[in-house]
């Protein structure tokens, strides 16, 4: 079955390249403050591993 395939490289004109290089649609959120950010410690990792179910536990039920 034949299908229409797009070319691997896309050719852009110089005008479009200049527009794409100068166009910015991003803003920064500077008024947000993060309070009470919890750190992920070795104890947290240990608890996650201890509380996770193993494959054999899943098979028993």
PDB file of N, CA and C in Angstrom:
ATOM      1  N   UNK A   1       0.843  -1.169   0.000  1.00  0.00           N
ATOM      2  CA  UNK A   1       0.000   0.000   0.000  1.00  0.00           C
ATOM      3  C   UNK A   1       0.897   1.244   0.000  1.00  0.00           C
ATOM      4  N   UNK A   2       0.626   2.130  -0.901  1.00  0.00           N
ATOM      5  CA  UNK A   2       1.429   3.340  -0.999  1.00  0.00           C
ATOM      6  C   UNK A   2       0.835   4.409  -0.090  1.00  0.00           C
ATOM      7  N   UNK A   3       1.707   5.234   0.447  1.00  0.00           N
ATOM      8  CA  UNK A   3       1.251   6.343   1.275  1.00  0.00           C
ATOM      9  C   UNK A   3       2.073   7.579   0.940  1.00  0.00           C
ATOM     10  N   UNK A   4       1.525   8.713   1.261  1.00  0.00           N
ATOM     11  CA  UNK A   4       2.219   9.969   1.013  1.00  0.00           C
ATOM     12  C   UNK A   4       3.163  10.216   2.191  1.00  0.00           C
ATOM     13  N   UNK A   5       4.422  10.448   1.881  1.00  0.00           N
ATOM     14  CA  UNK A   5       5.424  10.627   2.913  1.00  0.00           C
ATOM     15  C   UNK A   5       5.945  12.053   2.855  1.00  0.00           C
ATOM     16  N   UNK A   6       6.060  12.671   4.028  1.00  0.00           N
ATOM     17  CA  UNK A   6       6.614  14.023   4.098  1.00  0.00           C
ATOM     18  C   UNK A   6       8.126  13.945   3.934  1.00  0.00           C
ATOM     19  N   UNK A   7       8.728  14.946   3.321  1.00  0.00           N
ATOM     20  CA  UNK A   7      10.187  14.932   3.195  1.00  0.00           C
ATOM     21  C   UNK A   7      10.844  15.055   4.574  1.00  0.00           C
ATOM     22  N   UNK A   8      12.043  14.488   4.709  1.00  0.00           N
ATOM     23  CA  UNK A   8      12.721  14.499   6.000  1.00  0.00           C
ATOM     24  C   UNK A   8      13.171  15.896   6.402  1.00  0.00           C
ATOM     25  N   UNK A   9      13.600  16.680   5.463  1.00  0.00           N
ATOM     26  CA  UNK A   9      14.036  18.039   5.779  1.00  0.00           C
ATOM     27  C   UNK A   9      12.995  19.025   5.287  1.00  0.00           C
ATOM     28  N   UNK A  10      12.728  20.018   6.104  1.00  0.00           N
ATOM     29  CA  UNK A  10      11.763  21.047   5.747  1.00  0.00           C
ATOM     30  C   UNK A  10      12.533  22.281   5.332  1.00  0.00           C
ATOM     31  N   UNK A  11      12.166  22.823   4.193  1.00  0.00           N
ATOM     32  CA  UNK A  11      12.861  24.005   3.695  1.00  0.00           C
ATOM     33  C   UNK A  11      12.045  25.238   4.056  1.00  0.00           C
ATOM     34  N   UNK A  12      12.685  26.168   4.766  1.00  0.00           N
ATOM     35  CA  UNK A  12      12.034  27.408   5.165  1.00  0.00           C
ATOM     36  C   UNK A  12      12.688  28.574   4.449  1.00  0.00           C
ATOM     37  N   UNK A  13      11.890  29.562   4.148  1.00  0.00           N
ATOM     38  CA  UNK A  13      12.453  30.751   3.518  1.00  0.00           C
ATOM     39  C   UNK A  13      13.181  31.583   4.574  1.00  0.00           C
ATOM     40  N   UNK A  14      13.996  32.494   4.136  1.00  0.00           N
ATOM     41  CA  UNK A  14      14.772  33.330   5.050  1.00  0.00           C
ATOM     42  C   UNK A  14      13.860  34.204   5.913  1.00  0.00           C
ATOM     43  N   UNK A  15      12.755  34.689   5.336  1.00  0.00           N
ATOM     44  CA  UNK A  15      11.809  35.515   6.090  1.00  0.00           C
ATOM     45  C   UNK A  15      11.211  34.752   7.256  1.00  0.00           C
ATOM     46  N   UNK A  16      10.788  33.538   6.998  1.00  0.00           N
ATOM     47  CA  UNK A  16      10.175  32.720   8.044  1.00  0.00           C
ATOM     48  C   UNK A  16      11.201  32.380   9.111  1.00  0.00           C
ATOM     49  N   UNK A  17      12.435  32.117   8.729  1.00  0.00           N
ATOM     50  CA  UNK A  17      13.483  31.829   9.708  1.00  0.00           C
ATOM     51  C   UNK A  17      13.692  33.019  10.640  1.00  0.00           C
ATOM     52  N   UNK A  18      13.714  34.234  10.077  1.00  0.00           N
ATOM     53  CA  UNK A  18      13.904  35.432  10.900  1.00  0.00           C
ATOM     54  C   UNK A  18      12.739  35.619  11.862  1.00  0.00           C
ATOM     55  N   UNK A  19      11.509  35.373  11.398  1.00  0.00           N
ATOM     56  CA  UNK A  19      10.337  35.516  12.261  1.00  0.00           C
ATOM     57  C   UNK A  19      10.375  34.507  13.398  1.00  0.00           C
ATOM     58  N   UNK A  20      10.757  33.292  13.096  1.00  0.00           N
ATOM     59  CA  UNK A  20      10.801  32.258  14.124  1.00  0.00           C
ATOM     60  C   UNK A  20      11.887  32.532  15.158  1.00  0.00           C
ATOM     61  N   UNK A  21      13.006  33.102  14.730  1.00  0.00           N
ATOM     62  CA  UNK A  21      14.090  33.387  15.653  1.00  0.00           C
ATOM     63  C   UNK A  21      13.772  34.541  16.592  1.00  0.00           C
ATOM     64  N   UNK A  22      12.923  35.470  16.171  1.00  0.00           N
ATOM     65  CA  UNK A  22      12.637  36.645  16.981  1.00  0.00           C
ATOM     66  C   UNK A  22      11.316  36.565  17.732  1.00  0.00           C
ATOM     67  N   UNK A  23      10.536  35.540  17.502  1.00  0.00           N
ATOM     68  CA  UNK A  23       9.232  35.432  18.143  1.00  0.00           C
ATOM     69  C   UNK A  23       9.363  34.745  19.500  1.00  0.00           C
ATOM     70  N   UNK A  24       8.848  35.393  20.549  1.00  0.00           N
ATOM     71  CA  UNK A  24       8.886  34.828  21.893  1.00  0.00           C
ATOM     72  C   UNK A  24       7.481  34.876  22.456  1.00  0.00           C
ATOM     73  N   UNK A  25       6.980  33.714  22.903  1.00  0.00           N
ATOM     74  CA  UNK A  25       5.631  33.648  23.458  1.00  0.00           C
ATOM     75  C   UNK A  25       5.666  33.098  24.882  1.00  0.00           C
ATOM     76  N   UNK A  26       6.727  33.361  25.594  1.00  0.00           N
ATOM     77  CA  UNK A  26       6.929  32.805  26.916  1.00  0.00           C
ATOM     78  C   UNK A  26       6.969  33.911  27.948  1.00  0.00           C
ATOM     79  N   UNK A  27       6.379  33.671  29.102  1.00  0.00           N
ATOM     80  CA  UNK A  27       6.471  34.629  30.191  1.00  0.00           C
ATOM     81  C   UNK A  27       6.974  33.912  31.433  1.00  0.00           C
ATOM     82  N   UNK A  28       7.576  34.660  32.316  1.00  0.00           N
ATOM     83  CA  UNK A  28       8.089  34.095  33.555  1.00  0.00           C
ATOM     84  C   UNK A  28       7.184  34.498  34.706  1.00  0.00           C
ATOM     85  N   UNK A  29       6.898  33.557  35.571  1.00  0.00           N
ATOM     86  CA  UNK A  29       6.094  33.836  36.749  1.00  0.00           C
ATOM     87  C   UNK A  29       7.032  34.260  37.866  1.00  0.00           C
ATOM     88  N   UNK A  30       7.165  35.570  38.066  1.00  0.00           N
ATOM     89  CA  UNK A  30       8.101  36.077  39.063  1.00  0.00           C
ATOM     90  C   UNK A  30       7.429  36.370  40.396  1.00  0.00           C
ATOM     91  N   UNK A  31       6.110  36.405  40.443  1.00  0.00           N
ATOM     92  CA  UNK A  31       5.422  36.770  41.673  1.00  0.00           C
ATOM     93  C   UNK A  31       5.031  35.564  42.526  1.00  0.00           C
ATOM     94  N   UNK A  32       5.516  34.383  42.191  1.00  0.00           N
ATOM     95  CA  UNK A  32       5.164  33.172  42.925  1.00  0.00           C
ATOM     96  C   UNK A  32       6.259  32.877  43.947  1.00  0.00           C
ATOM     97  N   UNK A  33       5.847  32.616  45.180  1.00  0.00           N
ATOM     98  CA  UNK A  33       6.812  32.234  46.210  1.00  0.00           C
ATOM     99  C   UNK A  33       6.457  30.846  46.718  1.00  0.00           C
ATOM    100  N   UNK A  34       7.460  30.014  46.874  1.00  0.00           N
ATOM    101  CA  UNK A  34       7.254  28.641  47.329  1.00  0.00           C
ATOM    102  C   UNK A  34       7.607  28.581  48.812  1.00  0.00           C
ATOM    103  N   UNK A  35       6.637  28.146  49.618  1.00  0.00           N
ATOM    104  CA  UNK A  35       6.867  28.058  51.058  1.00  0.00           C
ATOM    105  C   UNK A  35       6.730  26.609  51.503  1.00  0.00           C
ATOM    106  N   UNK A  36       7.474  26.255  52.524  1.00  0.00           N
ATOM    107  CA  UNK A  36       7.425  24.928  53.130  1.00  0.00           C
ATOM    108  C   UNK A  36       7.658  23.809  52.118  1.00  0.00           C
ATOM    109  N   UNK A  37       8.651  23.980  51.297  1.00  0.00           N
ATOM    110  CA  UNK A  37       8.972  22.949  50.326  1.00  0.00           C
ATOM    111  C   UNK A  37       9.682  21.815  51.045  1.00  0.00           C
ATOM    112  N   UNK A  38       9.129  20.599  50.951  1.00  0.00           N
ATOM    113  CA  UNK A  38       9.705  19.453  51.625  1.00  0.00           C
ATOM    114  C   UNK A  38      10.852  18.884  50.792  1.00  0.00           C
ATOM    115  N   UNK A  39      11.890  18.460  51.488  1.00  0.00           N
ATOM    116  CA  UNK A  39      13.028  17.846  50.816  1.00  0.00           C
ATOM    117  C   UNK A  39      12.830  16.342  50.767  1.00  0.00           C
ATOM    118  N   UNK A  40      13.314  15.755  49.697  1.00  0.00           N
ATOM    119  CA  UNK A  40      13.267  14.305  49.541  1.00  0.00           C
ATOM    120  C   UNK A  40      14.569  13.751  50.095  1.00  0.00           C
ATOM    121  N   UNK A  41      14.484  13.000  51.186  1.00  0.00           N
ATOM    122  CA  UNK A  41      15.679  12.517  51.863  1.00  0.00           C
ATOM    123  C   UNK A  41      15.827  11.012  51.676  1.00  0.00           C
ATOM    124  N   UNK A  42      16.923  10.491  52.212  1.00  0.00           N
ATOM    125  CA  UNK A  42      17.173   9.052  52.155  1.00  0.00           C
ATOM    126  C   UNK A  42      16.111   8.305  52.956  1.00  0.00           C
ATOM    127  N   UNK A  43      15.636   8.908  54.046  1.00  0.00           N
ATOM    128  CA  UNK A  43      14.588   8.275  54.848  1.00  0.00           C
ATOM    129  C   UNK A  43      13.289   8.156  54.052  1.00  0.00           C
ATOM    130  N   UNK A  44      12.970   9.160  53.246  1.00  0.00           N
ATOM    131  CA  UNK A  44      11.782   9.088  52.387  1.00  0.00           C
ATOM    132  C   UNK A  44      11.909   7.966  51.377  1.00  0.00           C
ATOM    133  N   UNK A  45      13.078   7.823  50.782  1.00  0.00           N
ATOM    134  CA  UNK A  45      13.312   6.757  49.814  1.00  0.00           C
ATOM    135  C   UNK A  45      13.203   5.398  50.489  1.00  0.00           C
ATOM    136  N   UNK A  46      13.756   5.269  51.677  1.00  0.00           N
ATOM    137  CA  UNK A  46      13.696   4.014  52.415  1.00  0.00           C
ATOM    138  C   UNK A  46      12.247   3.652  52.716  1.00  0.00           C
ATOM    139  N   UNK A  47      11.450   4.626  53.139  1.00  0.00           N
ATOM    140  CA  UNK A  47      10.037   4.368  53.428  1.00  0.00           C
ATOM    141  C   UNK A  47       9.267   3.966  52.177  1.00  0.00           C
ATOM    142  N   UNK A  48       9.563   4.589  51.056  1.00  0.00           N
ATOM    143  CA  UNK A  48       8.894   4.222  49.804  1.00  0.00           C
ATOM    144  C   UNK A  48       9.200   2.784  49.432  1.00  0.00           C
ATOM    145  N   UNK A  49      10.456   2.408  49.543  1.00  0.00           N
ATOM    146  CA  UNK A  49      10.840   1.045  49.194  1.00  0.00           C
ATOM    147  C   UNK A  49      10.260   0.042  50.182  1.00  0.00           C
ATOM    148  N   UNK A  50      10.214   0.393  51.452  1.00  0.00           N
ATOM    149  CA  UNK A  50       9.698  -0.509  52.478  1.00  0.00           C
ATOM    150  C   UNK A  50       8.203  -0.728  52.306  1.00  0.00           C
ATOM    151  N   UNK A  51       7.483   0.324  51.913  1.00  0.00           N
ATOM    152  CA  UNK A  51       6.033   0.247  51.797  1.00  0.00           C
ATOM    153  C   UNK A  51       5.550  -0.251  50.440  1.00  0.00           C
ATOM    154  N   UNK A  52       6.445  -0.370  49.480  1.00  0.00           N
ATOM    155  CA  UNK A  52       6.005  -0.826  48.154  1.00  0.00           C
ATOM    156  C   UNK A  52       5.761  -2.320  48.175  1.00  0.00           C
ATOM    157  N   UNK A  53       4.851  -2.757  47.368  1.00  0.00           N
ATOM    158  CA  UNK A  53       4.522  -4.173  47.299  1.00  0.00           C
ATOM    159  C   UNK A  53       5.424  -4.859  46.277  1.00  0.00           C
ATOM    160  N   UNK A  54       5.846  -6.031  46.600  1.00  0.00           N
ATOM    161  CA  UNK A  54       6.684  -6.783  45.679  1.00  0.00           C
ATOM    162  C   UNK A  54       5.786  -7.592  44.742  1.00  0.00           C
ATOM    163  N   UNK A  55       6.382  -8.173  43.727  1.00  0.00           N
ATOM    164  CA  UNK A  55       5.623  -8.964  42.755  1.00  0.00           C
ATOM    165  C   UNK A  55       5.047 -10.206  43.414  1.00  0.00           C
ATOM    166  N   UNK A  56       5.772 -10.795  44.342  1.00  0.00           N
ATOM    167  CA  UNK A  56       5.261 -12.011  44.999  1.00  0.00           C
ATOM    168  C   UNK A  56       4.064 -11.678  45.892  1.00  0.00           C
ATOM    169  N   UNK A  57       4.065 -10.499  46.516  1.00  0.00           N
ATOM    170  CA  UNK A  57       2.922 -10.085  47.328  1.00  0.00           C
ATOM    171  C   UNK A  57       1.674  -9.907  46.462  1.00  0.00           C
ATOM    172  N   UNK A  58       1.868  -9.415  45.267  1.00  0.00           N
ATOM    173  CA  UNK A  58       0.733  -9.187  44.373  1.00  0.00           C
ATOM    174  C   UNK A  58       0.142 -10.520  43.904  1.00  0.00           C
ATOM    175  N   UNK A  59       0.963 -11.550  43.778  1.00  0.00           N
ATOM    176  CA  UNK A  59       0.497 -12.845  43.304  1.00  0.00           C
ATOM    177  C   UNK A  59      -0.278 -13.607  44.385  1.00  0.00           C
ATOM    178  N   UNK A  60      -0.022 -13.308  45.636  1.00  0.00           N
ATOM    179  CA  UNK A  60      -0.667 -14.029  46.737  1.00  0.00           C
ATOM    180  C   UNK A  60      -2.140 -13.713  46.853  1.00  0.00           C
ATOM    181  N   UNK A  61      -2.537 -12.523  46.452  1.00  0.00           N
ATOM    182  CA  UNK A  61      -3.954 -12.143  46.592  1.00  0.00           C
ATOM    183  C   UNK A  61      -4.816 -12.650  45.476  1.00  0.00           C
TER     184      UNK A  61
END
